[in-house]
N, C-alpha and C. Protein backbone atom coordinates (compact mmCIF):
# COMPACT_ATOMS: atom_id res chain seq x y z
N UNK A 1 -15.58 6.16 -41.61
CA UNK A 1 -16.42 6.35 -40.45
C UNK A 1 -15.83 5.67 -39.22
N UNK A 2 -15.15 4.58 -39.43
CA UNK A 2 -14.56 3.84 -38.32
C UNK A 2 -13.57 4.71 -37.53
N UNK A 3 -12.79 5.51 -38.24
CA UNK A 3 -11.80 6.35 -37.57
C UNK A 3 -12.49 7.40 -36.70
N UNK A 4 -13.64 7.91 -37.14
CA UNK A 4 -14.38 8.86 -36.31
C UNK A 4 -14.86 8.20 -35.02
N UNK A 5 -15.30 6.96 -35.13
CA UNK A 5 -15.71 6.21 -33.94
C UNK A 5 -14.57 6.02 -32.97
N UNK A 6 -13.41 5.67 -33.47
CA UNK A 6 -12.25 5.47 -32.60
C UNK A 6 -11.80 6.78 -31.95
N UNK A 7 -11.71 7.83 -32.73
CA UNK A 7 -11.29 9.13 -32.18
C UNK A 7 -12.29 9.60 -31.13
N UNK A 8 -13.58 9.54 -31.46
CA UNK A 8 -14.60 9.96 -30.51
C UNK A 8 -14.60 9.11 -29.25
N UNK A 9 -14.47 7.79 -29.41
CA UNK A 9 -14.43 6.89 -28.26
C UNK A 9 -13.26 7.17 -27.34
N UNK A 10 -12.11 7.42 -27.93
CA UNK A 10 -10.92 7.71 -27.12
C UNK A 10 -11.05 9.06 -26.42
N UNK A 11 -11.48 10.08 -27.15
CA UNK A 11 -11.61 11.40 -26.54
C UNK A 11 -12.64 11.40 -25.41
N UNK A 12 -13.78 10.77 -25.63
CA UNK A 12 -14.79 10.71 -24.57
C UNK A 12 -14.34 9.86 -23.39
N UNK A 13 -13.55 8.84 -23.66
CA UNK A 13 -13.14 7.96 -22.57
C UNK A 13 -12.15 8.64 -21.63
N UNK A 14 -11.46 9.65 -22.10
CA UNK A 14 -10.48 10.33 -21.24
C UNK A 14 -11.04 11.60 -20.60
N UNK A 15 -12.27 11.97 -20.91
CA UNK A 15 -12.85 13.21 -20.37
C UNK A 15 -12.91 13.22 -18.84
N UNK A 16 -13.23 12.11 -18.23
CA UNK A 16 -13.38 12.08 -16.78
C UNK A 16 -12.07 11.89 -16.02
N UNK A 17 -11.01 11.55 -16.73
CA UNK A 17 -9.73 11.27 -16.06
C UNK A 17 -9.20 12.47 -15.28
N UNK A 18 -9.24 13.70 -15.81
CA UNK A 18 -8.74 14.83 -15.02
C UNK A 18 -9.51 15.01 -13.70
N UNK A 19 -10.84 14.81 -13.73
CA UNK A 19 -11.62 14.94 -12.51
C UNK A 19 -11.28 13.81 -11.53
N UNK A 20 -11.15 12.60 -12.03
CA UNK A 20 -10.80 11.46 -11.16
C UNK A 20 -9.42 11.67 -10.56
N UNK A 21 -8.49 12.19 -11.33
CA UNK A 21 -7.13 12.45 -10.82
C UNK A 21 -7.17 13.52 -9.73
N UNK A 22 -7.95 14.58 -9.96
CA UNK A 22 -8.07 15.65 -8.96
C UNK A 22 -8.66 15.09 -7.67
N UNK A 23 -9.70 14.28 -7.78
CA UNK A 23 -10.34 13.68 -6.61
C UNK A 23 -9.36 12.76 -5.89
N UNK A 24 -8.61 11.96 -6.66
CA UNK A 24 -7.62 11.05 -6.08
C UNK A 24 -6.52 11.83 -5.35
N UNK A 25 -6.05 12.89 -5.96
CA UNK A 25 -4.98 13.70 -5.38
C UNK A 25 -5.44 14.40 -4.10
N UNK A 26 -6.66 14.92 -4.11
CA UNK A 26 -7.19 15.64 -2.95
C UNK A 26 -7.82 14.72 -1.92
N UNK A 27 -8.04 13.47 -2.29
CA UNK A 27 -8.62 12.45 -1.39
C UNK A 27 -10.04 12.78 -0.95
N UNK A 28 -10.78 13.54 -1.78
CA UNK A 28 -12.19 13.79 -1.53
C UNK A 28 -12.86 14.25 -2.82
N UNK A 29 -14.17 14.12 -2.83
CA UNK A 29 -14.97 14.59 -3.97
C UNK A 29 -16.09 15.48 -3.47
N UNK A 30 -15.76 16.34 -2.53
CA UNK A 30 -16.77 17.17 -1.87
C UNK A 30 -17.53 18.08 -2.82
N UNK A 31 -16.91 18.54 -3.88
CA UNK A 31 -17.57 19.46 -4.79
C UNK A 31 -18.45 18.78 -5.83
N UNK A 32 -18.44 17.46 -5.87
CA UNK A 32 -19.20 16.73 -6.88
C UNK A 32 -20.65 16.56 -6.43
N UNK A 33 -21.56 16.80 -7.32
CA UNK A 33 -22.99 16.67 -7.04
C UNK A 33 -23.36 15.20 -6.88
N UNK A 34 -24.16 14.90 -5.86
CA UNK A 34 -24.63 13.53 -5.64
C UNK A 34 -25.43 13.04 -6.85
N UNK A 35 -26.36 13.84 -7.31
CA UNK A 35 -27.22 13.45 -8.42
C UNK A 35 -26.40 13.22 -9.68
N UNK A 36 -25.45 14.10 -9.95
CA UNK A 36 -24.61 13.94 -11.13
C UNK A 36 -23.85 12.63 -11.09
N UNK A 37 -23.28 12.30 -9.95
CA UNK A 37 -22.50 11.06 -9.84
C UNK A 37 -23.36 9.83 -10.06
N UNK A 38 -24.55 9.79 -9.46
CA UNK A 38 -25.41 8.60 -9.60
C UNK A 38 -25.98 8.49 -11.01
N UNK A 39 -26.35 9.60 -11.63
CA UNK A 39 -26.80 9.56 -13.02
C UNK A 39 -25.68 9.10 -13.95
N UNK A 40 -24.48 9.60 -13.71
CA UNK A 40 -23.31 9.22 -14.51
C UNK A 40 -23.04 7.73 -14.35
N UNK A 41 -23.03 7.24 -13.12
CA UNK A 41 -22.76 5.83 -12.87
C UNK A 41 -23.77 4.93 -13.57
N UNK A 42 -25.06 5.18 -13.36
CA UNK A 42 -26.07 4.30 -13.95
C UNK A 42 -26.16 4.48 -15.46
N UNK A 43 -25.92 5.67 -15.96
CA UNK A 43 -25.87 5.87 -17.42
C UNK A 43 -24.76 5.05 -18.04
N UNK A 44 -23.57 5.11 -17.45
CA UNK A 44 -22.43 4.33 -17.95
C UNK A 44 -22.72 2.82 -17.86
N UNK A 45 -23.28 2.39 -16.74
CA UNK A 45 -23.57 0.97 -16.54
C UNK A 45 -24.56 0.45 -17.57
N UNK A 46 -25.66 1.15 -17.76
CA UNK A 46 -26.69 0.68 -18.71
C UNK A 46 -26.18 0.67 -20.15
N UNK A 47 -25.46 1.71 -20.55
CA UNK A 47 -24.94 1.74 -21.91
C UNK A 47 -23.83 0.69 -22.08
N UNK A 48 -23.03 0.47 -21.06
CA UNK A 48 -22.00 -0.57 -21.13
C UNK A 48 -22.64 -1.94 -21.33
N UNK A 49 -23.71 -2.22 -20.61
CA UNK A 49 -24.42 -3.50 -20.79
C UNK A 49 -24.97 -3.59 -22.22
N UNK A 50 -25.53 -2.51 -22.72
CA UNK A 50 -26.04 -2.48 -24.09
C UNK A 50 -24.93 -2.75 -25.10
N UNK A 51 -23.79 -2.10 -24.91
CA UNK A 51 -22.68 -2.27 -25.85
C UNK A 51 -22.16 -3.71 -25.81
N UNK A 52 -22.05 -4.29 -24.64
CA UNK A 52 -21.52 -5.65 -24.51
C UNK A 52 -22.48 -6.67 -25.10
N UNK A 53 -23.76 -6.56 -24.79
CA UNK A 53 -24.71 -7.61 -25.15
C UNK A 53 -25.57 -7.29 -26.37
N UNK A 54 -25.64 -6.04 -26.78
CA UNK A 54 -26.55 -5.70 -27.86
C UNK A 54 -25.91 -5.18 -29.12
N UNK A 55 -25.03 -4.24 -28.98
CA UNK A 55 -24.49 -3.54 -30.14
C UNK A 55 -22.98 -3.42 -29.99
N UNK A 56 -22.27 -4.53 -29.96
CA UNK A 56 -20.84 -4.53 -29.65
C UNK A 56 -20.07 -3.63 -30.60
N UNK A 57 -19.36 -2.71 -30.02
CA UNK A 57 -18.48 -1.81 -30.75
C UNK A 57 -17.28 -1.53 -29.86
N UNK A 58 -16.09 -1.87 -30.33
CA UNK A 58 -14.89 -1.72 -29.51
C UNK A 58 -14.64 -0.28 -29.08
N UNK A 59 -14.79 0.73 -29.96
CA UNK A 59 -14.58 2.11 -29.47
C UNK A 59 -15.55 2.48 -28.35
N UNK A 60 -16.81 2.07 -28.47
CA UNK A 60 -17.77 2.37 -27.41
C UNK A 60 -17.47 1.57 -26.15
N UNK A 61 -17.03 0.33 -26.31
CA UNK A 61 -16.68 -0.49 -25.16
C UNK A 61 -15.55 0.15 -24.37
N UNK A 62 -14.54 0.65 -25.06
CA UNK A 62 -13.42 1.32 -24.39
C UNK A 62 -13.92 2.58 -23.68
N UNK A 63 -14.73 3.38 -24.37
CA UNK A 63 -15.25 4.62 -23.80
C UNK A 63 -16.03 4.35 -22.52
N UNK A 64 -17.03 3.49 -22.59
CA UNK A 64 -17.91 3.29 -21.44
C UNK A 64 -17.23 2.51 -20.32
N UNK A 65 -16.32 1.61 -20.66
CA UNK A 65 -15.59 0.88 -19.62
C UNK A 65 -14.71 1.82 -18.82
N UNK A 66 -13.95 2.66 -19.51
CA UNK A 66 -13.06 3.58 -18.81
C UNK A 66 -13.86 4.59 -17.99
N UNK A 67 -14.94 5.10 -18.54
CA UNK A 67 -15.77 6.05 -17.78
C UNK A 67 -16.44 5.40 -16.59
N UNK A 68 -16.80 4.12 -16.70
CA UNK A 68 -17.38 3.40 -15.57
C UNK A 68 -16.35 3.31 -14.44
N UNK A 69 -15.09 3.05 -14.79
CA UNK A 69 -14.02 3.00 -13.79
C UNK A 69 -13.81 4.38 -13.17
N UNK A 70 -13.78 5.41 -14.00
CA UNK A 70 -13.56 6.78 -13.52
C UNK A 70 -14.64 7.19 -12.53
N UNK A 71 -15.90 6.97 -12.87
CA UNK A 71 -16.98 7.39 -11.97
C UNK A 71 -16.95 6.59 -10.68
N UNK A 72 -16.52 5.34 -10.74
CA UNK A 72 -16.40 4.56 -9.51
C UNK A 72 -15.29 5.07 -8.61
N UNK A 73 -14.19 5.56 -9.17
CA UNK A 73 -13.13 6.17 -8.38
C UNK A 73 -13.67 7.41 -7.67
N UNK A 74 -14.40 8.23 -8.39
CA UNK A 74 -14.95 9.45 -7.80
C UNK A 74 -15.96 9.10 -6.71
N UNK A 75 -16.83 8.14 -6.96
CA UNK A 75 -17.81 7.73 -5.96
C UNK A 75 -17.12 7.16 -4.73
N UNK A 76 -16.05 6.41 -4.92
CA UNK A 76 -15.30 5.89 -3.77
C UNK A 76 -14.85 7.04 -2.87
N UNK A 77 -14.25 8.07 -3.47
CA UNK A 77 -13.76 9.19 -2.66
C UNK A 77 -14.90 10.07 -2.13
N UNK A 78 -16.04 10.03 -2.77
CA UNK A 78 -17.19 10.82 -2.30
C UNK A 78 -17.84 10.17 -1.08
N UNK A 79 -17.94 8.83 -1.09
CA UNK A 79 -18.73 8.17 -0.06
C UNK A 79 -17.97 7.19 0.85
N UNK A 80 -16.91 6.59 0.36
CA UNK A 80 -16.30 5.50 1.12
C UNK A 80 -14.94 5.81 1.73
N UNK A 81 -14.18 6.69 1.13
CA UNK A 81 -12.82 6.99 1.63
C UNK A 81 -12.91 7.81 2.90
N UNK A 82 -12.22 7.37 3.88
CA UNK A 82 -12.14 8.11 5.14
C UNK A 82 -10.69 8.53 5.34
N UNK A 83 -10.48 9.84 5.57
CA UNK A 83 -9.12 10.32 5.84
C UNK A 83 -8.61 9.71 7.13
N UNK A 84 -7.35 9.37 7.12
CA UNK A 84 -6.74 8.76 8.31
C UNK A 84 -5.80 9.72 8.97
């Protein structure tokens, strides 16, 4: 069962990377839904806190940590990045 956790954690942790890369390359996240981004951010944050303090599991920690970083990159380009 442990191997299923690791495989699933790794696969889920890389799901957002293509979108974050596209946003980074294009320097905007105009097509991303506001609601989707905020739900994704807070979902990742709450589950990450749960994994760290309640039910520590390294595959889940890797998954939620990487996705938390990915969604923050997208949010940065959606709201804070200004083209120069």
